[in-house]
Amino acid sequence: MQVLALPRSSIGKKAVMAVTGFIWIGYVALHMWGNLHIFQGAEAFNHYAEFLREVGEPVLSYAQLLWIIRIVLIVAIAAHVWSAWDLYLAARHARTSRYAVTRVVQANYASRFMRIGGVVILLFIIFHLAHFTWGWVTDFRRSDPYYNLVVGFSNPIIVIFYLVALAALALHLFHGVWSMFQTLGFNSRRWDSAIRGLAVFVAIVIPVGFATVPIAILFGFVK
């Protein structure tokens, strides 16, 4: 019974956020690496996209592993959002009085905008699915992912929106990686600098890696 009650506690919710955050960090890192295949040309990129559907065969059927991954990601983000919302409500209810002057103690811009950034990222995920999975935004060829990417990122407004979302992702990753290690009990003075360095590295490399694709397409380096 204590194990079942753990996710309902504050510590349990933070642990859920840490684990689900780790799952999504791994996914966005691999997704970013996959997107960079576009610089190898249409054939290589489309082959990579098809590989994602074929991986796991013949043990699994076509696209079965991809759907398993999608289900894990959906459950992870639902649990992440639920935990974040519950912790937010608990923090609001814990405030017994309001102060005339509000001071931010031991907070940086990343931690202060985590909730706003989280909403931006969630909206971005929905738009991203509508754009490149469901084909609702720009001209779409289901059998030609390279074409879809080039057409999709030829629109400056869409590129700007993606870059804003990536800025929110950078802040979210920085604070998220840092908080994840704290929640999992690795926040010692010995590892403090290494964890902060890793958080900065992840927060820079992944968003910049994603950003190179729309920027390269918009300015004609990829056609």
N, C-alpha and C. Protein backbone atom coordinates (compact mmCIF):
# COMPACT_ATOMS: atom_id res chain seq x y z
N MET A 1 0.82 -1.21 0.00
CA MET A 1 0.00 0.00 0.00
C MET A 1 0.86 1.27 0.00
N GLN A 2 1.98 1.22 0.72
CA GLN A 2 2.87 2.37 0.75
C GLN A 2 3.45 2.65 -0.63
N VAL A 3 3.73 1.57 -1.39
CA VAL A 3 4.27 1.75 -2.74
C VAL A 3 3.24 2.43 -3.63
N LEU A 4 1.96 2.03 -3.51
CA LEU A 4 0.90 2.62 -4.31
C LEU A 4 0.65 4.08 -3.93
N ALA A 5 0.90 4.41 -2.66
CA ALA A 5 0.68 5.78 -2.19
C ALA A 5 1.82 6.72 -2.58
N LEU A 6 2.96 6.17 -2.92
CA LEU A 6 4.14 7.00 -3.21
C LEU A 6 3.90 8.00 -4.34
N PRO A 7 3.30 7.60 -5.48
CA PRO A 7 3.10 8.57 -6.55
C PRO A 7 2.19 9.73 -6.17
N ARG A 8 1.37 9.56 -5.11
CA ARG A 8 0.47 10.62 -4.67
C ARG A 8 1.16 11.60 -3.73
N SER A 9 2.36 11.27 -3.26
CA SER A 9 3.10 12.17 -2.37
C SER A 9 3.90 13.16 -3.19
N SER A 10 4.36 14.23 -2.53
CA SER A 10 5.16 15.24 -3.21
C SER A 10 6.46 14.63 -3.75
N ILE A 11 7.11 13.82 -2.94
CA ILE A 11 8.36 13.17 -3.38
C ILE A 11 8.08 12.23 -4.54
N GLY A 12 6.96 11.49 -4.44
CA GLY A 12 6.61 10.57 -5.51
C GLY A 12 6.35 11.27 -6.83
N LYS A 13 5.64 12.41 -6.77
CA LYS A 13 5.35 13.17 -7.99
C LYS A 13 6.63 13.72 -8.61
N LYS A 14 7.57 14.17 -7.77
CA LYS A 14 8.85 14.65 -8.29
C LYS A 14 9.65 13.51 -8.92
N ALA A 15 9.54 12.32 -8.33
CA ALA A 15 10.22 11.16 -8.90
C ALA A 15 9.61 10.79 -10.26
N VAL A 16 8.27 10.87 -10.34
CA VAL A 16 7.59 10.61 -11.61
C VAL A 16 8.05 11.61 -12.67
N MET A 17 8.16 12.87 -12.28
CA MET A 17 8.63 13.90 -13.23
C MET A 17 10.06 13.63 -13.66
N ALA A 18 10.90 13.17 -12.74
CA ALA A 18 12.30 12.88 -13.08
C ALA A 18 12.40 11.72 -14.06
N VAL A 19 11.68 10.64 -13.80
CA VAL A 19 11.75 9.45 -14.66
C VAL A 19 11.16 9.74 -16.04
N THR A 20 9.97 10.36 -16.06
CA THR A 20 9.34 10.67 -17.35
C THR A 20 10.15 11.72 -18.11
N GLY A 21 10.76 12.64 -17.37
CA GLY A 21 11.62 13.63 -18.02
C GLY A 21 12.82 12.97 -18.66
N PHE A 22 13.39 11.98 -17.99
CA PHE A 22 14.53 11.24 -18.53
C PHE A 22 14.14 10.52 -19.83
N ILE A 23 12.94 9.95 -19.85
CA ILE A 23 12.46 9.26 -21.05
C ILE A 23 12.37 10.24 -22.22
N TRP A 24 11.84 11.42 -21.96
CA TRP A 24 11.67 12.39 -23.04
C TRP A 24 12.99 13.04 -23.46
N ILE A 25 13.91 13.20 -22.53
CA ILE A 25 15.24 13.71 -22.90
C ILE A 25 15.93 12.73 -23.85
N GLY A 26 15.84 11.44 -23.53
CA GLY A 26 16.40 10.43 -24.41
C GLY A 26 15.75 10.46 -25.78
N TYR A 27 14.42 10.63 -25.79
CA TYR A 27 13.72 10.66 -27.07
C TYR A 27 14.11 11.87 -27.91
N VAL A 28 14.10 13.07 -27.32
CA VAL A 28 14.41 14.26 -28.12
C VAL A 28 15.86 14.24 -28.61
N ALA A 29 16.76 13.64 -27.84
CA ALA A 29 18.15 13.52 -28.29
C ALA A 29 18.23 12.63 -29.53
N LEU A 30 17.54 11.49 -29.50
CA LEU A 30 17.54 10.59 -30.64
C LEU A 30 16.79 11.20 -31.83
N HIS A 31 15.72 11.91 -31.55
CA HIS A 31 14.95 12.55 -32.60
C HIS A 31 15.78 13.64 -33.29
N MET A 32 16.53 14.39 -32.50
CA MET A 32 17.41 15.42 -33.06
C MET A 32 18.46 14.79 -33.96
N TRP A 33 19.08 13.70 -33.48
CA TRP A 33 20.09 12.99 -34.28
C TRP A 33 19.47 12.48 -35.58
N GLY A 34 18.25 11.96 -35.51
CA GLY A 34 17.58 11.47 -36.70
C GLY A 34 17.30 12.58 -37.70
N ASN A 35 16.87 13.74 -37.21
CA ASN A 35 16.59 14.87 -38.11
C ASN A 35 17.82 15.30 -38.90
N LEU A 36 18.99 15.15 -38.31
CA LEU A 36 20.22 15.59 -38.98
C LEU A 36 20.54 14.74 -40.21
N HIS A 37 19.85 13.61 -40.39
CA HIS A 37 20.03 12.81 -41.60
C HIS A 37 19.60 13.57 -42.85
N ILE A 38 18.84 14.64 -42.66
CA ILE A 38 18.38 15.39 -43.82
C ILE A 38 19.55 16.01 -44.59
N PHE A 39 20.67 16.25 -43.90
CA PHE A 39 21.84 16.83 -44.57
C PHE A 39 22.55 15.80 -45.47
N GLN A 40 22.14 14.54 -45.38
CA GLN A 40 22.67 13.50 -46.25
C GLN A 40 21.87 13.36 -47.55
N GLY A 41 20.79 14.12 -47.66
CA GLY A 41 19.99 14.07 -48.87
C GLY A 41 18.67 13.35 -48.69
N ALA A 42 17.83 13.46 -49.73
CA ALA A 42 16.47 12.92 -49.68
C ALA A 42 16.45 11.41 -49.49
N GLU A 43 17.30 10.70 -50.24
CA GLU A 43 17.29 9.25 -50.18
C GLU A 43 17.66 8.75 -48.79
N ALA A 44 18.71 9.31 -48.22
CA ALA A 44 19.17 8.89 -46.90
C ALA A 44 18.13 9.20 -45.83
N PHE A 45 17.51 10.39 -45.92
CA PHE A 45 16.53 10.77 -44.91
C PHE A 45 15.29 9.91 -44.99
N ASN A 46 14.80 9.67 -46.20
CA ASN A 46 13.62 8.83 -46.36
C ASN A 46 13.90 7.38 -45.95
N HIS A 47 15.12 6.93 -46.20
CA HIS A 47 15.50 5.58 -45.76
C HIS A 47 15.49 5.50 -44.24
N TYR A 48 15.99 6.54 -43.59
CA TYR A 48 15.97 6.57 -42.11
C TYR A 48 14.54 6.55 -41.60
N ALA A 49 13.64 7.35 -42.22
CA ALA A 49 12.25 7.40 -41.79
C ALA A 49 11.58 6.03 -41.95
N GLU A 50 11.90 5.32 -43.02
CA GLU A 50 11.33 4.00 -43.23
C GLU A 50 11.92 2.98 -42.25
N PHE A 51 13.20 3.16 -41.92
CA PHE A 51 13.86 2.28 -40.95
C PHE A 51 13.14 2.32 -39.60
N LEU A 52 12.64 3.47 -39.21
CA LEU A 52 11.93 3.60 -37.94
C LEU A 52 10.68 2.72 -37.90
N ARG A 53 10.11 2.48 -39.05
CA ARG A 53 8.92 1.63 -39.12
C ARG A 53 9.28 0.15 -39.24
N GLU A 54 10.44 -0.13 -39.80
CA GLU A 54 10.84 -1.52 -40.03
C GLU A 54 11.60 -2.12 -38.86
N VAL A 55 12.18 -1.27 -38.00
CA VAL A 55 13.00 -1.78 -36.90
C VAL A 55 12.16 -2.69 -36.00
N GLY A 56 12.75 -3.80 -35.62
CA GLY A 56 12.06 -4.78 -34.80
C GLY A 56 11.59 -6.00 -35.57
N GLU A 57 11.54 -5.87 -36.91
CA GLU A 57 11.17 -7.03 -37.74
C GLU A 57 12.31 -8.04 -37.79
N PRO A 58 12.06 -9.33 -37.87
CA PRO A 58 10.74 -9.97 -38.01
C PRO A 58 10.09 -10.35 -36.68
N VAL A 59 10.77 -10.04 -35.56
CA VAL A 59 10.17 -10.36 -34.26
C VAL A 59 8.86 -9.60 -34.07
N LEU A 60 8.86 -8.33 -34.44
CA LEU A 60 7.67 -7.50 -34.37
C LEU A 60 7.19 -7.20 -35.78
N SER A 61 5.93 -6.89 -35.91
CA SER A 61 5.38 -6.57 -37.23
C SER A 61 5.75 -5.14 -37.61
N TYR A 62 5.44 -4.76 -38.83
CA TYR A 62 5.78 -3.45 -39.37
C TYR A 62 5.21 -2.33 -38.50
N ALA A 63 6.08 -1.41 -38.08
CA ALA A 63 5.73 -0.22 -37.28
C ALA A 63 5.27 -0.55 -35.86
N GLN A 64 5.35 -1.82 -35.44
CA GLN A 64 4.87 -2.18 -34.11
C GLN A 64 5.74 -1.57 -33.01
N LEU A 65 7.06 -1.64 -33.18
CA LEU A 65 7.96 -1.06 -32.18
C LEU A 65 7.78 0.46 -32.12
N LEU A 66 7.55 1.07 -33.28
CA LEU A 66 7.32 2.51 -33.32
C LEU A 66 6.09 2.89 -32.52
N TRP A 67 5.04 2.09 -32.62
CA TRP A 67 3.82 2.37 -31.87
C TRP A 67 4.02 2.12 -30.38
N ILE A 68 4.82 1.13 -30.04
CA ILE A 68 5.13 0.90 -28.62
C ILE A 68 5.84 2.11 -28.03
N ILE A 69 6.79 2.64 -28.79
CA ILE A 69 7.52 3.83 -28.35
C ILE A 69 6.56 5.01 -28.21
N ARG A 70 5.67 5.18 -29.17
CA ARG A 70 4.70 6.27 -29.11
C ARG A 70 3.82 6.17 -27.86
N ILE A 71 3.38 4.97 -27.55
CA ILE A 71 2.53 4.77 -26.37
C ILE A 71 3.30 5.11 -25.09
N VAL A 72 4.56 4.67 -25.01
CA VAL A 72 5.39 4.99 -23.85
C VAL A 72 5.55 6.50 -23.71
N LEU A 73 5.77 7.20 -24.83
CA LEU A 73 5.95 8.65 -24.80
C LEU A 73 4.66 9.36 -24.38
N ILE A 74 3.52 8.88 -24.86
CA ILE A 74 2.24 9.48 -24.48
C ILE A 74 1.99 9.32 -22.98
N VAL A 75 2.22 8.11 -22.48
CA VAL A 75 2.04 7.86 -21.04
C VAL A 75 3.01 8.71 -20.22
N ALA A 76 4.26 8.81 -20.71
CA ALA A 76 5.28 9.58 -19.99
C ALA A 76 4.91 11.06 -19.91
N ILE A 77 4.46 11.62 -21.03
CA ILE A 77 4.15 13.06 -21.00
C ILE A 77 2.87 13.33 -20.20
N ALA A 78 1.92 12.39 -20.25
CA ALA A 78 0.70 12.55 -19.46
C ALA A 78 1.04 12.52 -17.97
N ALA A 79 1.89 11.60 -17.56
CA ALA A 79 2.31 11.50 -16.16
C ALA A 79 3.12 12.72 -15.75
N HIS A 80 3.95 13.22 -16.66
CA HIS A 80 4.79 14.39 -16.39
C HIS A 80 3.91 15.62 -16.15
N VAL A 81 2.94 15.84 -17.04
CA VAL A 81 2.05 16.99 -16.92
C VAL A 81 1.18 16.87 -15.67
N TRP A 82 0.66 15.67 -15.41
CA TRP A 82 -0.17 15.45 -14.22
C TRP A 82 0.61 15.76 -12.94
N SER A 83 1.84 15.27 -12.86
CA SER A 83 2.67 15.50 -11.67
C SER A 83 2.98 16.98 -11.50
N ALA A 84 3.34 17.64 -12.61
CA ALA A 84 3.67 19.07 -12.55
C ALA A 84 2.46 19.88 -12.10
N TRP A 85 1.28 19.57 -12.63
CA TRP A 85 0.06 20.30 -12.27
C TRP A 85 -0.31 20.07 -10.81
N ASP A 86 -0.19 18.83 -10.35
CA ASP A 86 -0.51 18.52 -8.96
C ASP A 86 0.45 19.22 -8.00
N LEU A 87 1.71 19.26 -8.33
CA LEU A 87 2.70 19.95 -7.50
C LEU A 87 2.44 21.45 -7.49
N TYR A 88 2.04 21.99 -8.63
CA TYR A 88 1.71 23.41 -8.71
C TYR A 88 0.52 23.75 -7.81
N LEU A 89 -0.53 22.91 -7.87
CA LEU A 89 -1.71 23.14 -7.03
C LEU A 89 -1.37 23.02 -5.55
N ALA A 90 -0.52 22.03 -5.22
CA ALA A 90 -0.12 21.85 -3.83
C ALA A 90 0.66 23.06 -3.32
N ALA A 91 1.51 23.62 -4.18
CA ALA A 91 2.29 24.80 -3.79
C ALA A 91 1.38 26.00 -3.57
N ARG A 92 0.36 26.15 -4.43
CA ARG A 92 -0.58 27.26 -4.26
C ARG A 92 -1.39 27.13 -2.98
N HIS A 93 -1.82 25.92 -2.69
CA HIS A 93 -2.61 25.69 -1.47
C HIS A 93 -1.78 25.87 -0.21
N ALA A 94 -0.46 25.68 -0.34
CA ALA A 94 0.42 25.79 0.83
C ALA A 94 0.66 27.24 1.23
N ARG A 95 0.35 28.17 0.32
CA ARG A 95 0.55 29.58 0.63
C ARG A 95 -0.59 30.08 1.51
N THR A 96 -0.28 30.37 2.73
CA THR A 96 -1.32 30.79 3.69
C THR A 96 -1.54 32.29 3.67
N SER A 97 -0.58 33.05 3.09
CA SER A 97 -0.74 34.50 3.02
C SER A 97 0.05 35.03 1.85
N ARG A 98 -0.35 36.19 1.37
CA ARG A 98 0.34 36.86 0.29
C ARG A 98 1.14 38.03 0.86
N TYR A 99 2.24 38.31 0.23
CA TYR A 99 3.12 39.36 0.72
C TYR A 99 3.06 40.57 -0.20
N ALA A 100 3.28 41.74 0.39
CA ALA A 100 3.26 42.97 -0.40
C ALA A 100 4.43 42.98 -1.38
N VAL A 101 5.55 42.44 -0.98
CA VAL A 101 6.72 42.38 -1.83
C VAL A 101 7.07 40.92 -2.06
N THR A 102 7.18 40.53 -3.31
CA THR A 102 7.51 39.15 -3.64
C THR A 102 8.97 39.08 -4.05
N ARG A 103 9.73 38.20 -3.42
CA ARG A 103 11.14 38.03 -3.75
C ARG A 103 11.36 36.63 -4.28
N VAL A 104 12.18 36.53 -5.29
CA VAL A 104 12.54 35.24 -5.84
C VAL A 104 13.85 34.80 -5.21
N VAL A 105 13.82 33.68 -4.49
CA VAL A 105 14.99 33.20 -3.78
C VAL A 105 15.55 31.98 -4.49
N GLN A 106 16.85 32.00 -4.80
CA GLN A 106 17.55 30.89 -5.41
C GLN A 106 16.80 30.38 -6.66
N ALA A 107 16.38 31.32 -7.49
CA ALA A 107 15.68 30.95 -8.72
C ALA A 107 16.35 31.63 -9.90
N ASN A 108 16.51 30.91 -10.99
CA ASN A 108 17.03 31.51 -12.21
C ASN A 108 15.89 31.60 -13.21
N TYR A 109 16.18 32.17 -14.38
CA TYR A 109 15.13 32.36 -15.36
C TYR A 109 14.55 31.02 -15.82
N ALA A 110 15.39 30.00 -15.90
CA ALA A 110 14.90 28.70 -16.34
C ALA A 110 13.84 28.15 -15.40
N SER A 111 14.10 28.19 -14.08
CA SER A 111 13.14 27.64 -13.12
C SER A 111 11.88 28.49 -13.04
N ARG A 112 12.01 29.82 -13.19
CA ARG A 112 10.85 30.71 -13.09
C ARG A 112 9.89 30.51 -14.26
N PHE A 113 10.41 30.13 -15.42
CA PHE A 113 9.57 29.99 -16.61
C PHE A 113 9.33 28.53 -16.99
N MET A 114 9.57 27.61 -16.06
CA MET A 114 9.37 26.19 -16.37
C MET A 114 7.92 25.90 -16.75
N ARG A 115 6.97 26.45 -16.02
CA ARG A 115 5.56 26.15 -16.30
C ARG A 115 5.13 26.75 -17.63
N ILE A 116 5.52 28.01 -17.87
CA ILE A 116 5.18 28.65 -19.14
C ILE A 116 5.83 27.90 -20.29
N GLY A 117 7.10 27.56 -20.10
CA GLY A 117 7.82 26.81 -21.13
C GLY A 117 7.19 25.46 -21.38
N GLY A 118 6.72 24.83 -20.31
CA GLY A 118 6.07 23.53 -20.46
C GLY A 118 4.82 23.61 -21.31
N VAL A 119 4.04 24.68 -21.11
CA VAL A 119 2.83 24.88 -21.91
C VAL A 119 3.19 25.10 -23.37
N VAL A 120 4.23 25.92 -23.61
CA VAL A 120 4.69 26.18 -24.99
C VAL A 120 5.13 24.88 -25.65
N ILE A 121 5.88 24.06 -24.93
CA ILE A 121 6.36 22.79 -25.48
C ILE A 121 5.20 21.85 -25.77
N LEU A 122 4.21 21.82 -24.88
CA LEU A 122 3.04 20.95 -25.10
C LEU A 122 2.28 21.38 -26.35
N LEU A 123 2.07 22.69 -26.52
CA LEU A 123 1.41 23.19 -27.72
C LEU A 123 2.23 22.89 -28.96
N PHE A 124 3.55 23.00 -28.82
CA PHE A 124 4.44 22.71 -29.94
C PHE A 124 4.34 21.24 -30.36
N ILE A 125 4.27 20.34 -29.39
CA ILE A 125 4.16 18.91 -29.72
C ILE A 125 2.89 18.64 -30.52
N ILE A 126 1.77 19.25 -30.09
CA ILE A 126 0.51 19.07 -30.81
C ILE A 126 0.63 19.61 -32.24
N PHE A 127 1.21 20.81 -32.37
CA PHE A 127 1.40 21.40 -33.70
C PHE A 127 2.34 20.56 -34.55
N HIS A 128 3.40 20.07 -33.94
CA HIS A 128 4.39 19.25 -34.65
C HIS A 128 3.74 17.97 -35.19
N LEU A 129 2.88 17.35 -34.41
CA LEU A 129 2.16 16.16 -34.87
C LEU A 129 1.23 16.51 -36.04
N ALA A 130 0.50 17.62 -35.88
CA ALA A 130 -0.40 18.06 -36.95
C ALA A 130 0.37 18.39 -38.23
N HIS A 131 1.59 18.86 -38.05
CA HIS A 131 2.40 19.31 -39.18
C HIS A 131 3.04 18.14 -39.93
N PHE A 132 3.78 17.30 -39.21
CA PHE A 132 4.60 16.30 -39.88
C PHE A 132 4.12 14.85 -39.72
N THR A 133 3.11 14.63 -38.87
CA THR A 133 2.57 13.27 -38.74
C THR A 133 1.19 13.16 -39.38
N TRP A 134 0.33 14.13 -39.11
CA TRP A 134 -1.02 14.09 -39.65
C TRP A 134 -1.16 14.84 -40.97
N GLY A 135 -0.19 15.73 -41.28
CA GLY A 135 -0.21 16.45 -42.55
C GLY A 135 -1.31 17.47 -42.70
N TRP A 136 -1.64 18.19 -41.63
CA TRP A 136 -2.75 19.14 -41.64
C TRP A 136 -2.32 20.58 -41.93
N VAL A 137 -1.01 20.87 -41.93
CA VAL A 137 -0.56 22.26 -41.96
C VAL A 137 -0.08 22.69 -43.35
N THR A 138 0.83 21.96 -43.92
CA THR A 138 1.37 22.29 -45.25
C THR A 138 1.19 21.09 -46.18
N ASP A 139 1.53 21.29 -47.45
CA ASP A 139 1.42 20.21 -48.43
C ASP A 139 2.17 18.98 -47.91
N PHE A 140 1.56 17.81 -48.05
CA PHE A 140 2.06 16.62 -47.36
C PHE A 140 2.01 15.40 -48.26
N ARG A 141 3.15 14.68 -48.30
CA ARG A 141 3.23 13.41 -49.01
C ARG A 141 3.64 12.34 -48.00
N ARG A 142 2.75 11.45 -47.68
CA ARG A 142 3.01 10.47 -46.63
C ARG A 142 4.22 9.59 -46.93
N SER A 143 4.53 9.38 -48.19
CA SER A 143 5.65 8.51 -48.57
C SER A 143 6.95 9.28 -48.79
N ASP A 144 6.95 10.59 -48.51
CA ASP A 144 8.15 11.40 -48.78
C ASP A 144 8.42 12.36 -47.62
N PRO A 145 8.95 11.87 -46.49
CA PRO A 145 9.23 12.74 -45.34
C PRO A 145 10.19 13.89 -45.65
N TYR A 146 11.15 13.65 -46.53
CA TYR A 146 12.10 14.71 -46.91
C TYR A 146 11.35 15.88 -47.52
N TYR A 147 10.45 15.60 -48.45
CA TYR A 147 9.64 16.64 -49.08
C TYR A 147 8.82 17.39 -48.04
N ASN A 148 8.21 16.66 -47.11
CA ASN A 148 7.38 17.28 -46.08
C ASN A 148 8.17 18.25 -45.23
N LEU A 149 9.40 17.87 -44.89
CA LEU A 149 10.24 18.71 -44.06
C LEU A 149 10.65 19.98 -44.80
N VAL A 150 11.06 19.82 -46.06
CA VAL A 150 11.49 20.97 -46.85
C VAL A 150 10.34 21.95 -47.08
N VAL A 151 9.18 21.42 -47.44
CA VAL A 151 8.01 22.28 -47.66
C VAL A 151 7.58 22.94 -46.34
N GLY A 152 7.58 22.16 -45.27
CA GLY A 152 7.13 22.66 -43.98
C GLY A 152 7.99 23.79 -43.44
N PHE A 153 9.29 23.70 -43.64
CA PHE A 153 10.20 24.71 -43.10
C PHE A 153 10.57 25.78 -44.12
N SER A 154 9.86 25.82 -45.23
CA SER A 154 10.05 26.91 -46.20
C SER A 154 9.21 28.12 -45.82
N ASN A 155 8.35 27.97 -44.82
CA ASN A 155 7.51 29.06 -44.34
C ASN A 155 8.19 29.75 -43.16
N PRO A 156 8.56 31.04 -43.29
CA PRO A 156 9.28 31.74 -42.20
C PRO A 156 8.50 31.79 -40.90
N ILE A 157 7.17 31.92 -40.97
CA ILE A 157 6.36 32.00 -39.74
C ILE A 157 6.45 30.70 -38.96
N ILE A 158 6.40 29.57 -39.67
CA ILE A 158 6.51 28.28 -39.02
C ILE A 158 7.89 28.11 -38.41
N VAL A 159 8.91 28.54 -39.11
CA VAL A 159 10.28 28.43 -38.60
C VAL A 159 10.45 29.26 -37.33
N ILE A 160 9.91 30.47 -37.33
CA ILE A 160 9.99 31.33 -36.14
C ILE A 160 9.31 30.65 -34.95
N PHE A 161 8.13 30.06 -35.19
CA PHE A 161 7.42 29.37 -34.12
C PHE A 161 8.26 28.20 -33.59
N TYR A 162 8.89 27.46 -34.48
CA TYR A 162 9.73 26.34 -34.06
C TYR A 162 10.92 26.84 -33.23
N LEU A 163 11.51 27.96 -33.63
CA LEU A 163 12.66 28.48 -32.89
C LEU A 163 12.26 28.97 -31.50
N VAL A 164 11.08 29.58 -31.40
CA VAL A 164 10.57 30.00 -30.08
C VAL A 164 10.36 28.77 -29.19
N ALA A 165 9.78 27.72 -29.77
CA ALA A 165 9.56 26.48 -29.02
C ALA A 165 10.88 25.87 -28.59
N LEU A 166 11.90 25.96 -29.44
CA LEU A 166 13.21 25.40 -29.11
C LEU A 166 13.88 26.21 -27.99
N ALA A 167 13.63 27.52 -27.96
CA ALA A 167 14.15 28.33 -26.85
C ALA A 167 13.51 27.90 -25.53
N ALA A 168 12.20 27.64 -25.58
CA ALA A 168 11.50 27.14 -24.38
C ALA A 168 12.04 25.76 -24.00
N LEU A 169 12.32 24.94 -25.01
CA LEU A 169 12.88 23.61 -24.75
C LEU A 169 14.25 23.71 -24.09
N ALA A 170 15.07 24.67 -24.52
CA ALA A 170 16.41 24.85 -23.95
C ALA A 170 16.32 25.15 -22.45
N LEU A 171 15.44 26.08 -22.07
CA LEU A 171 15.27 26.41 -20.66
C LEU A 171 14.72 25.23 -19.88
N HIS A 172 13.77 24.51 -20.49
CA HIS A 172 13.16 23.36 -19.84
C HIS A 172 14.19 22.25 -19.63
N LEU A 173 15.03 22.02 -20.61
CA LEU A 173 16.05 20.99 -20.50
C LEU A 173 17.08 21.34 -19.43
N PHE A 174 17.50 22.61 -19.40
CA PHE A 174 18.51 23.01 -18.42
C PHE A 174 18.02 22.78 -17.00
N HIS A 175 16.85 23.32 -16.69
CA HIS A 175 16.33 23.16 -15.34
C HIS A 175 15.90 21.71 -15.08
N GLY A 176 15.38 21.05 -16.13
CA GLY A 176 14.90 19.68 -15.98
C GLY A 176 16.01 18.70 -15.68
N VAL A 177 17.12 18.81 -16.40
CA VAL A 177 18.26 17.92 -16.15
C VAL A 177 18.80 18.14 -14.74
N TRP A 178 18.92 19.41 -14.37
CA TRP A 178 19.42 19.75 -13.04
C TRP A 178 18.50 19.19 -11.95
N SER A 179 17.19 19.40 -12.10
CA SER A 179 16.23 18.93 -11.11
C SER A 179 16.16 17.41 -11.07
N MET A 180 16.31 16.78 -12.23
CA MET A 180 16.24 15.32 -12.30
C MET A 180 17.30 14.68 -11.43
N PHE A 181 18.52 15.16 -11.53
CA PHE A 181 19.61 14.60 -10.73
C PHE A 181 19.40 14.89 -9.24
N GLN A 182 18.86 16.06 -8.92
CA GLN A 182 18.55 16.38 -7.52
C GLN A 182 17.50 15.43 -6.97
N THR A 183 16.44 15.23 -7.73
CA THR A 183 15.35 14.36 -7.29
C THR A 183 15.81 12.93 -7.09
N LEU A 184 16.70 12.47 -7.97
CA LEU A 184 17.18 11.09 -7.89
C LEU A 184 18.33 10.91 -6.89
N GLY A 185 18.69 11.99 -6.19
CA GLY A 185 19.65 11.88 -5.10
C GLY A 185 21.11 12.04 -5.48
N PHE A 186 21.39 12.68 -6.62
CA PHE A 186 22.79 12.85 -7.05
C PHE A 186 23.28 14.27 -6.83
N ASN A 187 22.58 15.04 -5.99
CA ASN A 187 22.93 16.45 -5.79
C ASN A 187 23.94 16.62 -4.65
N SER A 188 25.16 16.19 -4.86
CA SER A 188 26.22 16.38 -3.87
C SER A 188 27.20 17.43 -4.38
N ARG A 189 27.93 18.04 -3.47
CA ARG A 189 28.90 19.07 -3.87
C ARG A 189 29.95 18.50 -4.82
N ARG A 190 30.24 17.23 -4.67
CA ARG A 190 31.25 16.60 -5.51
C ARG A 190 30.84 16.59 -6.98
N TRP A 191 29.53 16.38 -7.22
CA TRP A 191 29.04 16.27 -8.60
C TRP A 191 28.34 17.53 -9.08
N ASP A 192 28.30 18.55 -8.25
CA ASP A 192 27.53 19.76 -8.58
C ASP A 192 27.97 20.38 -9.91
N SER A 193 29.27 20.58 -10.08
CA SER A 193 29.78 21.22 -11.30
C SER A 193 29.54 20.35 -12.52
N ALA A 194 29.72 19.04 -12.37
CA ALA A 194 29.53 18.12 -13.50
C ALA A 194 28.07 18.09 -13.94
N ILE A 195 27.15 18.08 -12.98
CA ILE A 195 25.72 18.04 -13.30
C ILE A 195 25.30 19.35 -13.97
N ARG A 196 25.78 20.46 -13.46
CA ARG A 196 25.46 21.75 -14.07
C ARG A 196 26.03 21.82 -15.48
N GLY A 197 27.24 21.32 -15.65
CA GLY A 197 27.84 21.32 -16.99
C GLY A 197 27.05 20.45 -17.95
N LEU A 198 26.58 19.28 -17.47
CA LEU A 198 25.77 18.40 -18.31
C LEU A 198 24.45 19.07 -18.67
N ALA A 199 23.84 19.76 -17.71
CA ALA A 199 22.58 20.45 -17.96
C ALA A 199 22.76 21.52 -19.04
N VAL A 200 23.84 22.27 -18.95
CA VAL A 200 24.13 23.30 -19.96
C VAL A 200 24.38 22.66 -21.33
N PHE A 201 25.14 21.57 -21.35
CA PHE A 201 25.46 20.86 -22.59
C PHE A 201 24.18 20.37 -23.28
N VAL A 202 23.32 19.71 -22.53
CA VAL A 202 22.07 19.17 -23.09
C VAL A 202 21.18 20.31 -23.57
N ALA A 203 21.09 21.39 -22.77
CA ALA A 203 20.22 22.51 -23.10
C ALA A 203 20.68 23.29 -24.33
N ILE A 204 21.96 23.14 -24.70
CA ILE A 204 22.48 23.82 -25.88
C ILE A 204 22.48 22.90 -27.10
N VAL A 205 23.02 21.69 -26.94
CA VAL A 205 23.23 20.80 -28.08
C VAL A 205 21.92 20.36 -28.72
N ILE A 206 20.95 19.93 -27.92
CA ILE A 206 19.70 19.41 -28.49
C ILE A 206 18.91 20.50 -29.21
N PRO A 207 18.63 21.65 -28.60
CA PRO A 207 17.89 22.69 -29.33
C PRO A 207 18.64 23.21 -30.56
N VAL A 208 19.96 23.39 -30.45
CA VAL A 208 20.73 23.87 -31.59
C VAL A 208 20.71 22.83 -32.72
N GLY A 209 20.84 21.56 -32.35
CA GLY A 209 20.77 20.50 -33.35
C GLY A 209 19.44 20.51 -34.08
N PHE A 210 18.34 20.67 -33.35
CA PHE A 210 17.03 20.78 -33.98
C PHE A 210 16.94 22.02 -34.87
N ALA A 211 17.48 23.15 -34.39
CA ALA A 211 17.34 24.42 -35.10
C ALA A 211 18.08 24.44 -36.43
N THR A 212 19.15 23.66 -36.56
CA THR A 212 19.92 23.69 -37.80
C THR A 212 19.08 23.27 -39.00
N VAL A 213 18.12 22.37 -38.80
CA VAL A 213 17.32 21.86 -39.92
C VAL A 213 16.40 22.93 -40.50
N PRO A 214 15.49 23.54 -39.70
CA PRO A 214 14.63 24.58 -40.28
C PRO A 214 15.40 25.78 -40.82
N ILE A 215 16.49 26.15 -40.15
CA ILE A 215 17.28 27.29 -40.62
C ILE A 215 17.95 26.97 -41.95
N ALA A 216 18.51 25.77 -42.07
CA ALA A 216 19.16 25.36 -43.32
C ALA A 216 18.16 25.32 -44.47
N ILE A 217 16.95 24.85 -44.20
CA ILE A 217 15.92 24.78 -45.25
C ILE A 217 15.45 26.18 -45.62
N LEU A 218 15.20 27.02 -44.63
CA LEU A 218 14.69 28.37 -44.88
C LEU A 218 15.66 29.18 -45.74
N PHE A 219 16.96 29.03 -45.49
CA PHE A 219 17.94 29.81 -46.22
C PHE A 219 18.50 29.08 -47.45
N GLY A 220 17.87 27.97 -47.80
CA GLY A 220 18.19 27.34 -49.06
C GLY A 220 19.38 26.41 -49.07
N PHE A 221 19.93 26.08 -47.91
CA PHE A 221 21.07 25.15 -47.87
C PHE A 221 20.61 23.72 -48.11
N VAL A 222 19.34 23.45 -47.77
CA VAL A 222 18.73 22.15 -48.03
C VAL A 222 17.50 22.40 -48.89
N LYS A 223 17.44 21.71 -50.02
CA LYS A 223 16.33 21.93 -50.96
C LYS A 223 15.70 20.60 -51.34
